[in-house]
C-alpha atoms as a PDB file:
ATOM      1  CA  MET A   1      79.925 158.859 100.066  1.00  0.00           C
ATOM      2  CA  THR A   2      83.342 160.290 100.914  1.00  0.00           C
ATOM      3  CA  ALA A   3      86.734 158.834 100.144  1.00  0.00           C
ATOM      4  CA  GLY A   4      87.250 158.343 103.887  1.00  0.00           C
ATOM      5  CA  THR A   5      84.096 156.278 104.104  1.00  0.00           C
ATOM      6  CA  HIS A   6      85.282 154.082 101.189  1.00  0.00           C
ATOM      7  CA  ARG A   7      88.613 153.551 102.911  1.00  0.00           C
ATOM      8  CA  ALA A   8      86.955 152.642 106.202  1.00  0.00           C
ATOM      9  CA  GLN A   9      84.646 150.128 104.535  1.00  0.00           C
ATOM     10  CA  GLY A  10      87.538 148.620 102.585  1.00  0.00           C
ATOM     11  CA  ALA A  11      89.596 148.239 105.740  1.00  0.00           C
ATOM     12  CA  GLN A  12      86.686 146.610 107.546  1.00  0.00           C
ATOM     13  CA  GLY A  13      86.096 144.208 104.617  1.00  0.00           C
ATOM     14  CA  ALA A  14      89.773 143.237 104.465  1.00  0.00           C
ATOM     15  CA  GLU A  15      89.911 142.778 108.224  1.00  0.00           C
ATOM     16  CA  GLY A  16      86.734 140.611 108.150  1.00  0.00           C
ATOM     17  CA  ALA A  17      88.062 138.455 105.313  1.00  0.00           C
ATOM     18  CA  GLN A  18      91.367 137.917 107.126  1.00  0.00           C
ATOM     19  CA  GLY A  19      89.515 136.982 110.291  1.00  0.00           C
ATOM     20  CA  ALA A  20      87.311 134.501 108.439  1.00  0.00           C
ATOM     21  CA  GLU A  21      90.324 132.943 106.722  1.00  0.00           C
ATOM     22  CA  GLY A  22      92.142 132.675 110.015  1.00  0.00           C
ATOM     23  CA  ALA A  23      89.170 131.022 111.686  1.00  0.00           C
ATOM     24  CA  GLN A  24      88.771 128.569 108.825  1.00  0.00           C
ATOM     25  CA  GLY A  25      92.475 127.758 108.892  1.00  0.00           C
ATOM     26  CA  ALA A  26      92.424 127.196 112.649  1.00  0.00           C
ATOM     27  CA  GLU A  27      89.331 125.017 112.387  1.00  0.00           C
ATOM     28  CA  GLY A  28      90.851 122.968 109.581  1.00  0.00           C
ATOM     29  CA  ALA A  29      94.066 122.513 111.561  1.00  0.00           C
ATOM     30  CA  GLN A  30      92.098 121.335 114.598  1.00  0.00           C
ATOM     31  CA  VAL A  31      90.120 118.800 112.530  1.00  0.00           C
ATOM     32  CA  GLU A  32      93.296 117.593 110.843  1.00  0.00           C
ATOM     33  CA  GLN A  33      95.152 117.236 114.143  1.00  0.00           C
ATOM     34  CA  GLY A  34      92.203 115.515 115.780  1.00  0.00           C
ATOM     35  CA  VAL A  35      91.803 112.997 112.992  1.00  0.00           C
ATOM     36  CA  HIS A  36      95.519 112.266 112.765  1.00  0.00           C
ATOM     37  CA  GLY A  37      95.697 111.885 116.510  1.00  0.00           C
ATOM     38  CA  ALA A  38      92.738 109.491 116.632  1.00  0.00           C
ATOM     39  CA  GLN A  39      93.999 107.413 113.729  1.00  0.00           C
ATOM     40  CA  GLY A  40      97.730 107.450 114.407  1.00  0.00           C
ATOM     41  CA  GLY A  41     100.197 104.768 115.437  1.00  0.00           C
ATOM     42  CA  SER A  42      99.352 101.105 115.256  1.00  0.00           C
ATOM     43  CA  ARG A  43      95.675 101.780 114.471  1.00  0.00           C
ATOM     44  CA  GLU A  44      96.624 102.247 110.838  1.00  0.00           C
ATOM     45  CA  ARG A  45      97.511  98.579 110.459  1.00  0.00           C
ATOM     46  CA  ALA A  46      95.301  96.198 108.517  1.00  0.00           C
ATOM     47  CA  GLY A  47      92.406  94.695 110.372  1.00  0.00           C
ATOM     48  CA  HIS A  48      92.486  97.134 113.291  1.00  0.00           C
ATOM     49  CA  ARG A  49      89.184  98.917 113.818  1.00  0.00           C
ATOM     50  CA  ASP A  50      89.580 102.250 115.544  1.00  0.00           C
ATOM     51  CA  PRO A  51      86.890 102.247 118.276  1.00  0.00           C
ATOM     52  CA  GLY A  52      86.890 106.023 118.423  1.00  0.00           C
ATOM     53  CA  GLY A  53      87.104 106.714 114.709  1.00  0.00           C
ATOM     54  CA  PRO A  54      84.199 107.843 112.557  1.00  0.00           C
ATOM     55  CA  ARG A  55      82.078 105.161 110.961  1.00  0.00           C
ATOM     56  CA  ARG A  56      79.181 106.744 109.128  1.00  0.00           C
ATOM     57  CA  PRO A  57      79.638 107.577 105.420  1.00  0.00           C
ATOM     58  CA  GLY A  58      79.622 111.304 104.926  1.00  0.00           C
ATOM     59  CA  ASP A  59      80.952 112.224 108.396  1.00  0.00           C
ATOM     60  CA  TYR A  60      83.598 114.392 106.713  1.00  0.00           C
ATOM     61  CA  SER A  61      81.490 115.514 103.798  1.00  0.00           C
ATOM     62  CA  SER A  62      79.592 118.756 103.580  1.00  0.00           C
ATOM     63  CA  PRO A  63      75.920 118.183 102.715  1.00  0.00           C
ATOM     64  CA  ARG A  64      76.120 121.057 100.255  1.00  0.00           C
ATOM     65  CA  ASP A  65      76.879 120.697  96.569  1.00  0.00           C
ATOM     66  CA  TYR A  66      80.437 121.539  95.622  1.00  0.00           C
ATOM     67  CA  GLY A  67      81.799 121.757  92.098  1.00  0.00           C
ATOM     68  CA  GLY A  68      78.462 120.524  90.772  1.00  0.00           C
ATOM     69  CA  LEU A  69      78.632 117.315  92.877  1.00  0.00           C
ATOM     70  CA  THR A  70      76.550 116.360  95.894  1.00  0.00           C
ATOM     71  CA  ALA A  71      78.183 115.177  99.113  1.00  0.00           C
ATOM     72  CA  GLU A  72      77.089 111.635  98.294  1.00  0.00           C
ATOM     73  CA  SER A  73      78.684 111.818  94.850  1.00  0.00           C
ATOM     74  CA  ARG A  74      81.946 113.144  96.253  1.00  0.00           C
ATOM     75  CA  SER A  75      81.999 110.398  98.868  1.00  0.00           C
ATOM     76  CA  SER A  76      81.387 107.763  96.177  1.00  0.00           C
ATOM     77  CA  ILE A  77      84.274 109.118  94.099  1.00  0.00           C
ATOM     78  CA  ARG A  78      86.608 108.987  97.091  1.00  0.00           C
ATOM     79  CA  HIS A  79      85.471 105.436  97.836  1.00  0.00           C
ATOM     80  CA  ARG A  80      86.389 104.428  94.295  1.00  0.00           C
ATOM     81  CA  GLN A  81      89.763 106.182  94.555  1.00  0.00           C
ATOM     82  CA  LEU A  82      90.614 104.166  97.648  1.00  0.00           C
ATOM     83  CA  VAL A  83      89.596 100.901  95.979  1.00  0.00           C
ATOM     84  CA  GLU A  84      91.623 101.671  92.857  1.00  0.00           C
ATOM     85  CA  ALA A  85      94.634 102.476  95.022  1.00  0.00           C
ATOM     86  CA  ALA A  86      94.129  99.129  96.779  1.00  0.00           C
ATOM     87  CA  VAL A  87      94.072  97.355  93.405  1.00  0.00           C
ATOM     88  CA  GLU A  88      97.479  98.820  92.588  1.00  0.00           C
ATOM     89  CA  LEU A  89      99.022  97.987  95.958  1.00  0.00           C
ATOM     90  CA  MET A  90      97.585  94.459  96.060  1.00  0.00           C
ATOM     91  CA  ALA A  91      98.560  93.622  92.484  1.00  0.00           C
ATOM     92  CA  THR A  92     102.135  94.829  92.930  1.00  0.00           C
ATOM     93  CA  GLY A  93     102.834  93.040  96.209  1.00  0.00           C
ATOM     94  CA  ARG A  94     102.803  96.136  98.413  1.00  0.00           C
ATOM     95  CA  TRP A  95      99.647  95.447 100.384  1.00  0.00           C
ATOM     96  CA  ARG A  96     101.318  93.763 103.369  1.00  0.00           C
ATOM     97  CA  ALA A  97     103.188  96.987 104.175  1.00  0.00           C
ATOM     98  CA  ALA A  98     100.221  99.260 103.505  1.00  0.00           C
ATOM     99  CA  THR A  99      98.787 101.610 106.139  1.00  0.00           C
ATOM    100  CA  VAL A 100      95.775 103.873 106.080  1.00  0.00           C
ATOM    101  CA  GLU A 101      98.098 106.811 105.516  1.00  0.00           C
ATOM    102  CA  SER A 102     100.007 105.189 102.623  1.00  0.00           C
ATOM    103  CA  LEU A 103      96.801 104.022 100.957  1.00  0.00           C
ATOM    104  CA  CYS A 104      95.286 107.502 101.137  1.00  0.00           C
ATOM    105  CA  ARG A 105      98.501 109.042  99.856  1.00  0.00           C
ATOM    106  CA  HIS A 106      98.453 106.655  96.891  1.00  0.00           C
ATOM    107  CA  ALA A 107      94.794 107.559  96.287  1.00  0.00           C
ATOM    108  CA  GLY A 108      95.572 111.286  96.461  1.00  0.00           C
ATOM    109  CA  LEU A 109      93.281 111.795  99.450  1.00  0.00           C
ATOM    110  CA  ASN A 110      93.604 113.233 102.921  1.00  0.00           C
ATOM    111  CA  LYS A 111      93.719 110.469 105.524  1.00  0.00           C
ATOM    112  CA  ARG A 112      90.575 111.708 107.232  1.00  0.00           C
ATOM    113  CA  TYR A 113      88.495 110.595 104.251  1.00  0.00           C
ATOM    114  CA  PHE A 114      89.359 106.920 104.756  1.00  0.00           C
ATOM    115  CA  TYR A 115      86.874 106.412 107.576  1.00  0.00           C
ATOM    116  CA  GLU A 116      83.888 107.797 105.704  1.00  0.00           C
ATOM    117  CA  SER A 117      83.957 104.573 103.628  1.00  0.00           C
ATOM    118  CA  PHE A 118      85.889 101.922 105.548  1.00  0.00           C
ATOM    119  CA  ALA A 119      86.647 100.859 109.110  1.00  0.00           C
ATOM    120  CA  SER A 120      89.897  98.994 108.373  1.00  0.00           C
ATOM    121  CA  LEU A 121      92.283  98.000 105.601  1.00  0.00           C
ATOM    122  CA  ASP A 122      90.728  94.524 105.612  1.00  0.00           C
ATOM    123  CA  ASP A 123      87.423  96.151 104.665  1.00  0.00           C
ATOM    124  CA  VAL A 124      89.120  97.863 101.718  1.00  0.00           C
ATOM    125  CA  ALA A 125      90.719  94.626 100.528  1.00  0.00           C
ATOM    126  CA  THR A 126      87.450  92.694 100.776  1.00  0.00           C
ATOM    127  CA  ALA A 127      85.566  95.430  98.917  1.00  0.00           C
ATOM    128  CA  THR A 128      88.251  95.414  96.220  1.00  0.00           C
ATOM    129  CA  VAL A 129      87.992  91.652  95.686  1.00  0.00           C
ATOM    130  CA  ASP A 130      84.181  91.877  95.596  1.00  0.00           C
ATOM    131  CA  LEU A 131      84.284  94.697  93.039  1.00  0.00           C
ATOM    132  CA  ILE A 132      86.638  92.821  90.717  1.00  0.00           C
ATOM    133  CA  ALA A 133      84.579  89.631  90.956  1.00  0.00           C
ATOM    134  CA  GLU A 134      81.448  91.568  90.052  1.00  0.00           C
ATOM    135  CA  GLU A 135      83.212  93.212  87.110  1.00  0.00           C
ATOM    136  CA  VAL A 136      84.255  89.763  85.845  1.00  0.00           C
ATOM    137  CA  ARG A 137      80.715  88.446  86.261  1.00  0.00           C
ATOM    138  CA  GLN A 138      79.291  91.352  84.270  1.00  0.00           C
ATOM    139  CA  ALA A 139      81.888  90.949  81.510  1.00  0.00           C
ATOM    140  CA  VAL A 140      81.117  87.238  81.120  1.00  0.00           C
ATOM    141  CA  ALA A 141      77.351  87.832  81.263  1.00  0.00           C
ATOM    142  CA  ALA A 142      77.574  90.534  78.583  1.00  0.00           C
ATOM    143  CA  ALA A 143      79.586  88.207  76.342  1.00  0.00           C
ATOM    144  CA  HIS A 144      77.081  85.392  76.862  1.00  0.00           C
ATOM    145  CA  GLU A 145      73.984  87.443  76.107  1.00  0.00           C
ATOM    146  CA  PRO A 146      74.205  87.451  72.266  1.00  0.00           C
ATOM    147  CA  VAL A 147      74.733  83.652  72.149  1.00  0.00           C
ATOM    148  CA  ARG A 148      72.540  82.421  75.001  1.00  0.00           C
ATOM    149  CA  ASP A 149      70.551  80.219  72.584  1.00  0.00           C
ATOM    150  CA  ALA A 150      73.588  79.093  70.572  1.00  0.00           C
ATOM    151  CA  PRO A 151      75.278  75.661  70.730  1.00  0.00           C
ATOM    152  CA  VAL A 152      77.262  74.936  73.877  1.00  0.00           C
ATOM    153  CA  ALA A 153      80.643  75.375  72.171  1.00  0.00           C
ATOM    154  CA  ASP A 154      79.721  78.902  71.113  1.00  0.00           C
ATOM    155  CA  ARG A 155      78.507  79.734  74.602  1.00  0.00           C
ATOM    156  CA  VAL A 156      81.679  78.463  76.205  1.00  0.00           C
ATOM    157  CA  ARG A 157      83.850  80.379  73.769  1.00  0.00           C
ATOM    158  CA  ALA A 158      81.868  83.585  74.297  1.00  0.00           C
ATOM    159  CA  GLY A 159      82.149  83.392  78.080  1.00  0.00           C
ATOM    160  CA  LEU A 160      85.876  82.695  77.966  1.00  0.00           C
ATOM    161  CA  THR A 161      86.378  85.503  75.471  1.00  0.00           C
ATOM    162  CA  GLY A 162      84.654  87.953  77.798  1.00  0.00           C
ATOM    163  CA  PHE A 163      86.739  86.740  80.725  1.00  0.00           C
ATOM    164  CA  VAL A 164      90.113  86.816  78.971  1.00  0.00           C
ATOM    165  CA  LEU A 165      89.541  90.216  77.354  1.00  0.00           C
ATOM    166  CA  HIS A 166      88.455  91.690  80.665  1.00  0.00           C
ATOM    167  CA  CYS A 167      91.595  90.378  82.398  1.00  0.00           C
ATOM    168  CA  ALA A 168      93.840  91.539  79.553  1.00  0.00           C
ATOM    169  CA  ALA A 169      92.384  95.058  79.723  1.00  0.00           C
ATOM    170  CA  ASP A 170      93.739  95.446  83.278  1.00  0.00           C
ATOM    171  CA  PRO A 171      95.980  92.539  84.364  1.00  0.00           C
ATOM    172  CA  ARG A 172      96.168  93.962  87.879  1.00  0.00           C
ATOM    173  CA  ARG A 173      92.602  92.883  88.507  1.00  0.00           C
ATOM    174  CA  ALA A 174      93.330  89.301  87.508  1.00  0.00           C
ATOM    175  CA  ARG A 175      96.309  89.273  89.879  1.00  0.00           C
ATOM    176  CA  VAL A 176      94.165  90.507  92.764  1.00  0.00           C
ATOM    177  CA  LEU A 177      91.465  87.905  92.118  1.00  0.00           C
ATOM    178  CA  TYR A 178      93.645  84.894  91.274  1.00  0.00           C
ATOM    179  CA  GLY A 179      97.222  85.749  92.247  1.00  0.00           C
ATOM    180  CA  PRO A 180      99.109  85.238  95.543  1.00  0.00           C
ATOM    181  CA  VAL A 181      98.077  88.548  97.119  1.00  0.00           C
ATOM    182  CA  SER A 182      99.448  89.082 100.630  1.00  0.00           C
ATOM    183  CA  ALA A 183      96.252  90.034 102.410  1.00  0.00           C
ATOM    184  CA  SER A 184      94.374  88.877 105.486  1.00  0.00           C
ATOM    185  CA  ALA A 185      92.869  85.463 106.105  1.00  0.00           C
ATOM    186  CA  GLU A 186      89.389  86.957 105.643  1.00  0.00           C
ATOM    187  CA  VAL A 187      90.297  88.271 102.193  1.00  0.00           C
ATOM    188  CA  SER A 188      91.657  84.828 101.252  1.00  0.00           C
ATOM    189  CA  ARG A 189      88.410  83.233 102.406  1.00  0.00           C
ATOM    190  CA  GLN A 190      86.450  85.761 100.388  1.00  0.00           C
ATOM    191  CA  ARG A 191      88.401  84.919  97.236  1.00  0.00           C
ATOM    192  CA  THR A 192      87.751  81.214  97.885  1.00  0.00           C
ATOM    193  CA  ARG A 193      84.023  81.874  98.246  1.00  0.00           C
ATOM    194  CA  ILE A 194      83.996  83.741  94.950  1.00  0.00           C
ATOM    195  CA  VAL A 195      85.694  80.867  93.112  1.00  0.00           C
ATOM    196  CA  ARG A 196      83.272  78.388  94.654  1.00  0.00           C
ATOM    197  CA  THR A 197      80.332  80.500  93.582  1.00  0.00           C
ATOM    198  CA  ALA A 198      81.655  80.526  90.023  1.00  0.00           C
ATOM    199  CA  SER A 199      82.086  76.741  90.204  1.00  0.00           C
ATOM    200  CA  ARG A 200      78.472  76.269  91.307  1.00  0.00           C
ATOM    201  CA  GLN A 201      77.307  78.399  88.407  1.00  0.00           C
ATOM    202  CA  ILE A 202      79.288  76.201  86.010  1.00  0.00           C
ATOM    203  CA  VAL A 203      77.646  73.110  87.528  1.00  0.00           C
ATOM    204  CA  GLU A 204      74.208  74.640  86.914  1.00  0.00           C
ATOM    205  CA  VAL A 205      75.069  75.345  83.274  1.00  0.00           C
ATOM    206  CA  SER A 206      76.477  71.840  82.889  1.00  0.00           C
ATOM    207  CA  ARG A 207      73.256  70.367  84.267  1.00  0.00           C
ATOM    208  CA  GLU A 208      71.268  72.315  81.685  1.00  0.00           C
ATOM    209  CA  ILE A 209      73.497  71.010  78.910  1.00  0.00           C
ATOM    210  CA  CYS A 210      73.958  67.385  79.993  1.00  0.00           C
ATOM    211  CA  GLY A 211      70.738  66.799  81.896  1.00  0.00           C
ATOM    212  CA  ASP A 212      70.294  65.618  85.453  1.00  0.00           C
ATOM    213  CA  ILE A 213      72.611  62.624  85.769  1.00  0.00           C
ATOM    214  CA  PRO A 214      72.064  60.654  89.006  1.00  0.00           C
ATOM    215  CA  GLY A 215      75.067  60.729  91.323  1.00  0.00           C
ATOM    216  CA  ALA A 216      77.006  63.184  89.158  1.00  0.00           C
ATOM    217  CA  GLU A 217      76.902  66.138  91.545  1.00  0.00           C
ATOM    218  CA  GLU A 218      80.262  65.518  93.207  1.00  0.00           C
ATOM    219  CA  LEU A 219      82.096  64.751  89.966  1.00  0.00           C
ATOM    220  CA  MET A 220      80.631  67.808  88.237  1.00  0.00           C
ATOM    221  CA  GLY A 221      81.545  70.011  91.205  1.00  0.00           C
ATOM    222  CA  THR A 222      85.135  68.763  91.110  1.00  0.00           C
ATOM    223  CA  ALA A 223      85.361  69.379  87.360  1.00  0.00           C
ATOM    224  CA  ALA A 224      83.904  72.880  87.747  1.00  0.00           C
ATOM    225  CA  ALA A 225      86.403  73.810  90.466  1.00  0.00           C
ATOM    226  CA  PHE A 226      89.179  72.363  88.309  1.00  0.00           C
ATOM    227  CA  VAL A 227      88.386  74.472  85.254  1.00  0.00           C
ATOM    228  CA  THR A 228      87.582  77.617  87.245  1.00  0.00           C
ATOM    229  CA  GLY A 229      90.801  77.679  89.274  1.00  0.00           C
ATOM    230  CA  GLY A 230      92.861  76.357  86.395  1.00  0.00           C
ATOM    231  CA  THR A 231      91.593  78.982  83.991  1.00  0.00           C
ATOM    232  CA  GLY A 232      92.494  81.800  86.365  1.00  0.00           C
ATOM    233  CA  GLU A 233      96.010  80.419  86.802  1.00  0.00           C
ATOM    234  CA  VAL A 234      96.507  79.917  83.069  1.00  0.00           C
ATOM    235  CA  VAL A 235      95.347  83.437  82.266  1.00  0.00           C
ATOM    236  CA  LEU A 236      97.715  84.873  84.897  1.00  0.00           C
ATOM    237  CA  GLN A 237     100.666  83.008  83.417  1.00  0.00           C
ATOM    238  CA  TRP A 238      99.713  84.122  79.917  1.00  0.00           C
ATOM    239  CA  LEU A 239      99.432  87.767  80.971  1.00  0.00           C
ATOM    240  CA  ASP A 240     102.893  87.653  82.547  1.00  0.00           C
ATOM    241  CA  ALA A 241     104.517  85.829  79.626  1.00  0.00           C
ATOM    242  CA  HIS A 242     102.770  87.588  76.736  1.00  0.00           C
ATOM    243  CA  PRO A 243     101.887  91.169  77.694  1.00  0.00           C
ATOM    244  CA  GLY A 244      99.928  92.878  74.960  1.00  0.00           C
ATOM    245  CA  ALA A 245      99.744  89.733  72.795  1.00  0.00           C
ATOM    246  CA  ASP A 246      96.705  88.621  70.793  1.00  0.00           C
ATOM    247  CA  PRO A 247      94.568  86.504  73.168  1.00  0.00           C
ATOM    248  CA  ALA A 248      92.832  84.554  70.368  1.00  0.00           C
ATOM    249  CA  PRO A 249      95.128  81.470  70.607  1.00  0.00           C
ATOM    250  CA  LEU A 250      94.670  81.385  74.383  1.00  0.00           C
ATOM    251  CA  ILE A 251      90.899  81.578  74.008  1.00  0.00           C
ATOM    252  CA  ASP A 252      91.009  78.716  71.479  1.00  0.00           C
ATOM    253  CA  ASP A 253      93.003  76.548  73.872  1.00  0.00           C
ATOM    254  CA  LEU A 254      90.803  77.307  76.860  1.00  0.00           C
ATOM    255  CA  THR A 255      87.626  76.625  74.888  1.00  0.00           C
ATOM    256  CA  THR A 256      88.979  73.243  73.783  1.00  0.00           C
ATOM    257  CA  LEU A 257      89.956  72.292  77.331  1.00  0.00           C
ATOM    258  CA  TRP A 258      86.632  73.388  78.802  1.00  0.00           C
ATOM    259  CA  LEU A 259      84.717  71.331  76.246  1.00  0.00           C
ATOM    260  CA  LEU A 260      86.943  68.294  76.813  1.00  0.00           C
ATOM    261  CA  VAL A 261      86.479  68.515  80.567  1.00  0.00           C
ATOM    262  CA  GLY A 262      82.767  69.234  80.293  1.00  0.00           C
ATOM    263  CA  PHE A 263      81.803  66.480  77.890  1.00  0.00           C
ATOM    264  CA  GLY A 264      84.301  64.074  79.435  1.00  0.00           C
ATOM    265  CA  THR A 265      82.758  64.684  82.852  1.00  0.00           C
ATOM    266  CA  ALA A 266      79.258  64.079  81.493  1.00  0.00           C
ATOM    267  CA  THR A 267      80.355  60.859  79.790  1.00  0.00           C
ATOM    268  CA  GLU A 268      82.024  59.552  82.939  1.00  0.00           C
ATOM    269  CA  ALA A 269      79.046  60.541  85.082  1.00  0.00           C
ATOM    270  CA  ARG A 270      76.679  58.573  82.810  1.00  0.00           C
ATOM    271  CA  ARG A 271      79.010  55.593  82.872  1.00  0.00           C
ATOM    272  CA  ARG A 272      79.057  55.609  86.648  1.00  0.00           C
ATOM    273  CA  ALA A 273      75.289  55.984  86.808  1.00  0.00           C
ATOM    274  CA  GLU A 274      74.809  52.975  84.505  1.00  0.00           C
ATOM    275  CA  ARG A 275      77.195  50.881  86.600  1.00  0.00           C
ATOM    276  CA  GLY A 276      75.684  52.088  89.835  1.00  0.00           C
ATOM    277  CA  THR A 277      79.012  53.380  91.151  1.00  0.00           C
END
């Protein structure tokens, strides 16, 4: 092969590579412009569902593996990045002013990736609250497991220890779940449902401990809501007032109060049952 042939092939290769890069750049610019155009303006605000925007997960993801990760794995990672960014914005009082663009910027993602996971900012906020509630549930369940057959005082202490330590590890999550987050009415309702679910679970545990006391359902439900909401508020205040402090004294106090409320409720419920009131 002659030197001229080598030069001709090299020129053709360079020209082909430049053409491919140009085509890819033009295609990327068109996708970027199209997405920004479809999602621009007021459609970035919370609760607004873009009727023309993509909905299906993976719409912007290549089905091929990239960097050792499948398209599904990459989409899952981006989903988590958006939720973690929402945690930060919600916990620091910046959620009311958030837009799709600002959320994605905080997550380190291109705006076009938002719609592969969510249809609106309300969907992100609801998913964030659900995730944190599930993390709390798992932390409490894991703490309960070693003492599930232990006396009630040990079980209460274990559950509260799991809860407090989980909140202390990332106070932002406690603020999202229990604090005055400026989100939509639907997110507020979702947080209320989560607290009520926790209250019902406490009632079930109380029934196991104290037995089935006739007519005690309403009183036990009130007591459960009282300790559930009150505990969240107390932990929030403690986190703000004592950042990085040893939580052992707080756990002692909460355990004492839970036992006082629990046994006091059972005693009063029996008294009412005996009196027929």
